[in-house]
Amino acid sequence: MRKLHTEISLEGLEFFAYHGYYPEEQSNGNTFSVDVKVISELDPLELNHLEKTINYELIFVIVEKEMERSTALLETVAARILDEIFIQF
């Protein structure tokens, strides 16, 4: 059976976090906006089963967890989010 092209987007997620290279960025914190888009090919017969789809609620939890971990570079945060999404899905 043909797969269904599926996109899940979470846009404008806002988190206050302590990311940054400089000590004042890590101590003062800042508000960050995160956008996530996941593109997948899913079996249309399984779209009625949450565990077989891309669960946007779990994506939010992944982003939230990684944003809570203070990190010097945002690229590292993005890489950890990407890695965890691949692991989960």
Protein backbone atom coordinates (compact mmCIF):
# COMPACT_ATOMS: atom_id res chain seq x y z
CA MET A 1 0.00 0.00 0.00
CA ARG A 2 1.12 3.52 -0.71
CA LYS A 3 2.48 5.61 2.19
CA LEU A 4 0.91 8.92 3.14
CA HIS A 5 3.17 12.00 3.21
CA THR A 6 2.63 13.57 6.63
CA GLU A 7 3.93 16.77 8.18
CA ILE A 8 3.64 17.73 11.83
CA SER A 9 4.59 21.31 12.75
CA LEU A 10 4.89 22.94 16.13
CA GLU A 11 5.59 26.64 15.72
CA GLY A 12 6.36 29.44 18.12
CA LEU A 13 6.97 27.29 21.20
CA GLU A 14 8.38 29.66 23.83
CA PHE A 15 10.73 28.68 26.63
CA PHE A 16 12.71 30.66 29.16
CA ALA A 17 16.11 28.99 29.35
CA TYR A 18 19.74 29.53 30.29
CA HIS A 19 21.55 28.89 27.02
CA GLY A 20 24.51 30.88 25.81
CA TYR A 21 28.24 30.97 25.43
CA TYR A 22 28.83 33.91 27.77
CA PRO A 23 28.41 33.67 31.56
CA GLU A 24 25.80 36.46 31.64
CA GLU A 25 23.66 34.56 29.11
CA GLN A 26 23.80 31.46 31.29
CA SER A 27 23.06 33.33 34.53
CA ASN A 28 20.39 35.77 33.24
CA GLY A 29 18.60 33.47 30.82
CA ASN A 30 16.50 34.47 27.85
CA THR A 31 13.25 33.65 26.09
CA PHE A 32 13.67 31.34 23.10
CA SER A 33 11.21 30.51 20.34
CA VAL A 34 11.36 27.04 18.82
CA ASP A 35 9.79 25.73 15.60
CA VAL A 36 9.78 22.01 14.81
CA LYS A 37 8.66 20.33 11.60
CA VAL A 38 8.65 16.55 11.23
CA ILE A 39 8.05 15.05 7.79
CA SER A 40 7.24 11.36 7.54
CA GLU A 41 5.73 8.69 5.35
CA LEU A 42 3.02 6.80 7.26
CA ASP A 43 0.79 3.86 6.50
CA PRO A 44 -2.75 5.29 6.08
CA LEU A 45 -4.27 2.20 7.73
CA GLU A 46 -2.40 2.93 10.95
CA LEU A 47 -3.25 6.63 11.28
CA ASN A 48 -5.99 5.86 13.80
CA HIS A 49 -3.41 4.46 16.24
CA LEU A 50 -1.47 7.15 18.12
CA GLU A 51 1.52 4.89 18.75
CA LYS A 52 1.91 4.43 14.96
CA THR A 53 1.87 8.15 14.16
CA ILE A 54 4.09 11.15 14.89
CA ASN A 55 2.77 12.27 18.27
CA TYR A 56 3.04 16.07 18.47
CA GLU A 57 2.54 15.97 22.25
CA LEU A 58 5.66 13.84 22.64
CA ILE A 59 7.58 16.18 20.32
CA PHE A 60 6.66 19.07 22.62
CA VAL A 61 7.86 17.12 25.68
CA ILE A 62 11.17 16.36 23.92
CA VAL A 63 11.71 20.04 23.08
CA GLU A 64 10.73 21.14 26.58
CA LYS A 65 13.14 18.67 28.21
CA GLU A 66 16.07 19.72 26.03
CA MET A 67 15.38 23.43 26.50
CA GLU A 68 15.63 22.90 30.28
CA ARG A 69 19.25 21.71 29.94
CA SER A 70 21.58 24.72 30.00
CA THR A 71 23.89 24.59 26.98
CA ALA A 72 26.51 26.92 25.55
CA LEU A 73 25.41 26.62 21.91
CA LEU A 74 21.89 26.51 20.48
CA GLU A 75 23.16 24.20 17.74
CA THR A 76 23.80 21.60 20.44
CA VAL A 77 20.26 21.97 21.75
CA ALA A 78 18.86 21.57 18.22
CA ALA A 79 21.00 18.47 17.62
CA ARG A 80 19.80 16.85 20.86
CA ILE A 81 16.16 17.59 19.95
CA LEU A 82 16.67 16.08 16.50
CA ASP A 83 18.41 13.00 17.89
CA GLU A 84 15.66 12.36 20.43
CA ILE A 85 12.89 12.75 17.82
CA PHE A 86 14.66 10.18 15.62
CA ILE A 87 15.00 7.81 18.58
CA GLN A 88 11.31 8.12 19.51
CA PHE A 89 9.93 7.86 16.00
